[in-house]
Amino acid sequence: MSYTNPLSNANGPLESDVMPVLNHAAQQADGLLQRGADALRENRTFLQEGAERTQAQVNTYVREEPLKSLLMAAAAGAVLMGVVGLMLRGRSHHSH
């Protein structure tokens, strides 16, 4: 009794049944990758344009309201330093 491996036959049932499915899956994966790359490019452009608009608005505000801008920056810095100080103090209490 001889055994024939269906994988060894290039035109066997495995190839004729599975290969079209694999090719279709590969095409779908390629399409998904392409759409994902396109979406990343679009989002990058959208985010970059938004950042540029925000930067222009900040520049205009700073030119028009330099004292208010300075006070807001100082307040934001003080809040940030307070938060960092609390975090560091909390960390030192946990390590002892």
Protein backbone atom coordinates (compact mmCIF):
# COMPACT_ATOMS: atom_id res chain seq x y z
CA MET A 1 0.00 0.00 0.00
CA SER A 2 1.51 3.29 -1.00
CA TYR A 3 0.72 6.65 0.57
CA THR A 4 0.69 9.78 -1.57
CA ASN A 5 1.22 13.08 0.19
CA PRO A 6 -1.36 15.57 -1.16
CA LEU A 7 1.09 18.42 -0.50
CA SER A 8 3.66 16.94 -2.85
CA ASN A 9 1.33 17.13 -5.84
CA ALA A 10 1.52 20.68 -7.23
CA ASN A 11 -1.98 20.48 -8.67
CA GLY A 12 -3.52 18.49 -5.82
CA PRO A 13 -6.76 19.24 -4.02
CA LEU A 14 -5.02 21.29 -1.34
CA GLU A 15 -3.57 23.75 -3.83
CA SER A 16 -6.74 24.08 -5.89
CA ASP A 17 -8.89 24.66 -2.80
CA VAL A 18 -6.61 26.70 -0.55
CA MET A 19 -4.58 28.84 -2.91
CA PRO A 20 -7.52 30.98 -4.13
CA VAL A 21 -8.52 31.60 -0.52
CA LEU A 22 -4.97 32.55 0.41
CA ASN A 23 -4.64 34.84 -2.60
CA HIS A 24 -7.92 36.54 -1.72
CA ALA A 25 -6.83 36.98 1.90
CA ALA A 26 -3.50 38.45 0.77
CA GLN A 27 -5.29 40.92 -1.52
CA GLN A 28 -7.61 41.96 1.31
CA ALA A 29 -4.66 42.42 3.67
CA ASP A 30 -2.87 44.52 1.06
CA GLY A 31 -5.98 46.68 0.64
CA LEU A 32 -6.28 47.15 4.41
CA LEU A 33 -2.63 48.16 4.68
CA GLN A 34 -3.04 50.67 1.86
CA ARG A 35 -6.17 52.19 3.42
CA GLY A 36 -4.41 52.37 6.79
CA ALA A 37 -1.42 54.16 5.26
CA ASP A 38 -3.74 56.60 3.48
CA ALA A 39 -5.62 57.31 6.72
CA LEU A 40 -2.35 57.96 8.57
CA ARG A 41 -1.25 60.43 5.89
CA GLU A 42 -4.60 62.24 6.03
CA ASN A 43 -4.58 62.42 9.84
CA ARG A 44 -1.00 63.65 9.85
CA THR A 45 -1.90 66.44 7.46
CA PHE A 46 -5.01 67.32 9.47
CA LEU A 47 -3.08 67.42 12.76
CA GLN A 48 -0.23 69.39 11.25
CA GLU A 49 -2.61 72.00 9.85
CA GLY A 50 -4.38 72.24 13.22
CA ALA A 51 -1.07 72.73 15.02
CA GLU A 52 -0.07 75.45 12.55
CA ARG A 53 -3.41 77.26 13.06
CA THR A 54 -3.04 77.04 16.84
CA GLN A 55 0.52 78.34 16.66
CA ALA A 56 -0.63 81.31 14.55
CA GLN A 57 -3.42 82.07 17.04
CA VAL A 58 -1.00 81.90 19.97
CA ASN A 59 1.45 84.18 18.20
CA THR A 60 -1.30 86.70 17.47
CA TYR A 61 -2.56 86.60 21.08
CA VAL A 62 0.95 87.07 22.48
CA ARG A 63 1.53 90.08 20.20
CA GLU A 64 -1.83 91.62 21.13
CA GLU A 65 -1.78 90.76 24.86
CA PRO A 66 1.84 90.42 25.97
CA LEU A 67 1.21 91.07 29.69
CA LYS A 68 -1.72 88.64 29.91
CA SER A 69 0.33 86.07 27.99
CA LEU A 70 3.22 86.44 30.41
CA LEU A 71 0.94 86.12 33.45
CA MET A 72 -0.78 83.02 32.01
CA ALA A 73 2.58 81.41 31.24
CA ALA A 74 3.79 82.15 34.78
CA ALA A 75 0.60 80.72 36.29
CA ALA A 76 0.85 77.59 34.14
CA GLY A 77 4.49 77.16 35.19
CA ALA A 78 3.59 77.57 38.87
CA VAL A 79 0.82 74.97 38.59
CA LEU A 80 3.14 72.58 36.79
CA MET A 81 5.84 73.02 39.43
CA GLY A 82 3.25 72.43 42.16
CA VAL A 83 2.11 69.20 40.53
CA VAL A 84 5.70 68.01 40.08
CA GLY A 85 6.45 68.91 43.70
CA LEU A 86 3.45 66.93 44.92
CA MET A 87 4.44 63.95 42.79
CA LEU A 88 8.01 64.01 44.08
CA ARG A 89 6.88 64.44 47.69
CA GLY A 90 4.42 61.54 47.31
CA ARG A 91 7.12 59.36 45.83
CA SER A 92 9.59 60.09 48.65
CA HIS A 93 6.95 59.20 51.30
CA HIS A 94 6.29 55.84 49.61
CA SER A 95 9.96 54.91 49.41
CA HIS A 96 10.57 55.28 53.18
